[in-house]
Amino acid sequence: MSVVMRRYLPLIFFAVPGLFILFSYYLDVAKEVATTLSAWPVTLATFSVILGVFEFLRYHITKVIKKVEEINV
């Protein structure tokens, strides 16, 4: 992956919606789009927490099962 893609793509990905929300707050343009853009981080954070909990449980349950099998052998 090129340096341009690694460095500037995330910047564009977050700066453009952020500036749009900022300007819509002060200029009263496209309030509905700004509201939708500001709701996405909550959705992504919720998904990330749920995914993290499932991965945490999967990892530790697998470790416990291996430990129990090791003890029973």
N, C-alpha and C. Protein backbone atom coordinates (compact mmCIF):
# COMPACT_ATOMS: atom_id res chain seq x y z
N MET A 1 0.85 -1.17 0.00
CA MET A 1 0.00 0.00 0.00
C MET A 1 0.90 1.24 0.00
N SER A 2 0.59 2.16 -0.83
CA SER A 2 1.45 3.33 -0.96
C SER A 2 1.33 4.26 0.25
N VAL A 3 2.32 5.10 0.39
CA VAL A 3 2.35 6.05 1.51
C VAL A 3 1.17 7.01 1.41
N VAL A 4 0.84 7.39 0.18
CA VAL A 4 -0.28 8.31 -0.02
C VAL A 4 -1.58 7.69 0.48
N MET A 5 -1.79 6.44 0.18
CA MET A 5 -3.01 5.77 0.60
C MET A 5 -3.04 5.59 2.11
N ARG A 6 -1.90 5.26 2.72
CA ARG A 6 -1.87 5.05 4.16
C ARG A 6 -2.00 6.35 4.94
N ARG A 7 -1.45 7.43 4.41
CA ARG A 7 -1.43 8.67 5.15
C ARG A 7 -2.63 9.55 4.86
N TYR A 8 -3.00 9.69 3.60
CA TYR A 8 -4.01 10.68 3.23
C TYR A 8 -5.42 10.13 3.13
N LEU A 9 -5.58 8.87 2.86
CA LEU A 9 -6.93 8.31 2.78
C LEU A 9 -7.67 8.39 4.11
N PRO A 10 -7.07 8.00 5.24
CA PRO A 10 -7.77 8.19 6.52
C PRO A 10 -8.03 9.65 6.85
N LEU A 11 -7.11 10.52 6.48
CA LEU A 11 -7.30 11.95 6.72
C LEU A 11 -8.51 12.46 5.95
N ILE A 12 -8.62 12.09 4.71
CA ILE A 12 -9.78 12.49 3.90
C ILE A 12 -11.05 11.85 4.43
N PHE A 13 -10.93 10.59 4.82
CA PHE A 13 -12.08 9.84 5.30
C PHE A 13 -12.71 10.47 6.54
N PHE A 14 -11.89 11.07 7.41
CA PHE A 14 -12.41 11.68 8.63
C PHE A 14 -12.53 13.20 8.55
N ALA A 15 -11.70 13.85 7.78
CA ALA A 15 -11.72 15.30 7.72
C ALA A 15 -12.93 15.83 6.95
N VAL A 16 -13.25 15.20 5.84
CA VAL A 16 -14.37 15.69 5.02
C VAL A 16 -15.70 15.62 5.77
N PRO A 17 -16.09 14.49 6.35
CA PRO A 17 -17.34 14.51 7.14
C PRO A 17 -17.27 15.42 8.36
N GLY A 18 -16.10 15.50 8.99
CA GLY A 18 -15.96 16.37 10.15
C GLY A 18 -16.15 17.84 9.79
N LEU A 19 -15.53 18.25 8.71
CA LEU A 19 -15.71 19.63 8.25
C LEU A 19 -17.15 19.89 7.80
N PHE A 20 -17.75 18.90 7.17
CA PHE A 20 -19.14 19.05 6.75
C PHE A 20 -20.06 19.26 7.95
N ILE A 21 -19.85 18.48 9.00
CA ILE A 21 -20.67 18.62 10.21
C ILE A 21 -20.41 19.99 10.86
N LEU A 22 -19.16 20.40 10.90
CA LEU A 22 -18.83 21.70 11.48
C LEU A 22 -19.47 22.84 10.70
N PHE A 23 -19.36 22.82 9.39
CA PHE A 23 -19.96 23.90 8.59
C PHE A 23 -21.48 23.86 8.62
N SER A 24 -22.06 22.69 8.68
CA SER A 24 -23.53 22.62 8.73
C SER A 24 -24.06 23.16 10.05
N TYR A 25 -23.26 23.06 11.10
CA TYR A 25 -23.67 23.60 12.40
C TYR A 25 -23.74 25.13 12.35
N TYR A 26 -22.75 25.73 11.74
CA TYR A 26 -22.68 27.18 11.71
C TYR A 26 -23.45 27.81 10.55
N LEU A 27 -23.62 27.11 9.45
CA LEU A 27 -24.25 27.68 8.27
C LEU A 27 -25.67 27.20 8.03
N ASP A 28 -26.17 26.30 8.85
CA ASP A 28 -27.52 25.76 8.72
C ASP A 28 -27.81 25.18 7.33
N VAL A 29 -26.91 24.39 6.83
CA VAL A 29 -27.13 23.70 5.56
C VAL A 29 -27.05 22.20 5.80
N ALA A 30 -27.95 21.48 5.20
CA ALA A 30 -27.96 20.01 5.22
C ALA A 30 -27.89 19.45 6.64
N LYS A 31 -28.80 19.86 7.49
CA LYS A 31 -28.83 19.38 8.88
C LYS A 31 -29.08 17.87 8.95
N GLU A 32 -29.91 17.35 8.06
CA GLU A 32 -30.24 15.92 8.09
C GLU A 32 -29.01 15.07 7.79
N VAL A 33 -28.21 15.50 6.82
CA VAL A 33 -27.00 14.76 6.47
C VAL A 33 -26.00 14.81 7.62
N ALA A 34 -25.88 15.96 8.25
CA ALA A 34 -24.96 16.10 9.38
C ALA A 34 -25.41 15.23 10.55
N THR A 35 -26.72 15.14 10.77
CA THR A 35 -27.23 14.28 11.84
C THR A 35 -26.92 12.82 11.55
N THR A 36 -27.09 12.41 10.31
CA THR A 36 -26.78 11.04 9.92
C THR A 36 -25.29 10.75 10.08
N LEU A 37 -24.45 11.69 9.66
CA LEU A 37 -23.00 11.50 9.79
C LEU A 37 -22.57 11.42 11.24
N SER A 38 -23.23 12.16 12.10
CA SER A 38 -22.84 12.12 13.51
C SER A 38 -23.38 10.89 14.22
N ALA A 39 -24.35 10.19 13.64
CA ALA A 39 -24.88 8.97 14.25
C ALA A 39 -24.03 7.74 13.91
N TRP A 40 -23.26 7.78 12.84
CA TRP A 40 -22.46 6.64 12.43
C TRP A 40 -21.40 6.23 13.45
N PRO A 41 -20.70 7.15 14.09
CA PRO A 41 -19.71 6.70 15.08
C PRO A 41 -20.31 5.89 16.23
N VAL A 42 -21.53 6.22 16.63
CA VAL A 42 -22.18 5.46 17.69
C VAL A 42 -22.47 4.04 17.21
N THR A 43 -22.93 3.92 15.99
CA THR A 43 -23.21 2.60 15.42
C THR A 43 -21.94 1.77 15.31
N LEU A 44 -20.87 2.38 14.82
CA LEU A 44 -19.61 1.66 14.68
C LEU A 44 -19.03 1.27 16.04
N ALA A 45 -19.14 2.14 17.02
CA ALA A 45 -18.63 1.83 18.35
C ALA A 45 -19.41 0.67 18.97
N THR A 46 -20.72 0.66 18.79
CA THR A 46 -21.54 -0.44 19.31
C THR A 46 -21.14 -1.76 18.68
N PHE A 47 -20.98 -1.75 17.36
CA PHE A 47 -20.56 -2.96 16.65
C PHE A 47 -19.19 -3.42 17.14
N SER A 48 -18.27 -2.48 17.34
CA SER A 48 -16.92 -2.83 17.80
C SER A 48 -16.94 -3.44 19.19
N VAL A 49 -17.74 -2.91 20.08
CA VAL A 49 -17.83 -3.46 21.44
C VAL A 49 -18.40 -4.88 21.40
N ILE A 50 -19.45 -5.07 20.64
CA ILE A 50 -20.07 -6.41 20.55
C ILE A 50 -19.07 -7.40 19.96
N LEU A 51 -18.38 -7.00 18.90
CA LEU A 51 -17.38 -7.88 18.29
C LEU A 51 -16.25 -8.18 19.27
N GLY A 52 -15.80 -7.18 20.01
CA GLY A 52 -14.75 -7.37 21.00
C GLY A 52 -15.14 -8.33 22.10
N VAL A 53 -16.37 -8.24 22.58
CA VAL A 53 -16.84 -9.14 23.63
C VAL A 53 -16.89 -10.57 23.12
N PHE A 54 -17.40 -10.77 21.91
CA PHE A 54 -17.45 -12.13 21.36
C PHE A 54 -16.06 -12.71 21.14
N GLU A 55 -15.13 -11.91 20.64
CA GLU A 55 -13.77 -12.39 20.44
C GLU A 55 -13.08 -12.69 21.78
N PHE A 56 -13.31 -11.86 22.77
CA PHE A 56 -12.77 -12.08 24.11
C PHE A 56 -13.28 -13.41 24.67
N LEU A 57 -14.59 -13.62 24.58
CA LEU A 57 -15.16 -14.86 25.09
C LEU A 57 -14.66 -16.07 24.31
N ARG A 58 -14.57 -15.97 23.00
CA ARG A 58 -14.10 -17.09 22.18
C ARG A 58 -12.67 -17.46 22.55
N TYR A 59 -11.83 -16.46 22.73
CA TYR A 59 -10.43 -16.71 23.08
C TYR A 59 -10.31 -17.41 24.42
N HIS A 60 -10.98 -16.90 25.42
CA HIS A 60 -10.83 -17.45 26.76
C HIS A 60 -11.55 -18.77 26.93
N ILE A 61 -12.67 -18.96 26.28
CA ILE A 61 -13.35 -20.26 26.35
C ILE A 61 -12.48 -21.33 25.71
N THR A 62 -11.84 -21.00 24.59
CA THR A 62 -10.93 -21.95 23.94
C THR A 62 -9.77 -22.31 24.86
N LYS A 63 -9.21 -21.31 25.55
CA LYS A 63 -8.12 -21.59 26.49
C LYS A 63 -8.58 -22.48 27.64
N VAL A 64 -9.76 -22.24 28.17
CA VAL A 64 -10.28 -23.04 29.28
C VAL A 64 -10.51 -24.47 28.82
N ILE A 65 -11.07 -24.65 27.63
CA ILE A 65 -11.33 -26.00 27.11
C ILE A 65 -10.01 -26.76 26.94
N LYS A 66 -8.99 -26.10 26.41
CA LYS A 66 -7.69 -26.77 26.25
C LYS A 66 -7.09 -27.14 27.60
N LYS A 67 -7.24 -26.27 28.58
CA LYS A 67 -6.70 -26.53 29.92
C LYS A 67 -7.42 -27.73 30.56
N VAL A 68 -8.74 -27.79 30.40
CA VAL A 68 -9.52 -28.90 30.96
C VAL A 68 -9.12 -30.20 30.27
N GLU A 69 -8.95 -30.20 28.95
CA GLU A 69 -8.55 -31.39 28.24
C GLU A 69 -7.15 -31.83 28.67
N GLU A 70 -6.29 -30.84 28.93
CA GLU A 70 -4.92 -31.16 29.37
C GLU A 70 -4.94 -31.81 30.76
N ILE A 71 -5.82 -31.35 31.62
CA ILE A 71 -5.92 -31.91 32.96
C ILE A 71 -6.51 -33.30 32.93
N ASN A 72 -7.50 -33.54 32.07
CA ASN A 72 -8.17 -34.83 32.00
C ASN A 72 -7.34 -35.90 31.30
N VAL A 73 -6.30 -35.54 30.63
CA VAL A 73 -5.48 -36.54 29.92
C VAL A 73 -4.48 -37.15 30.80
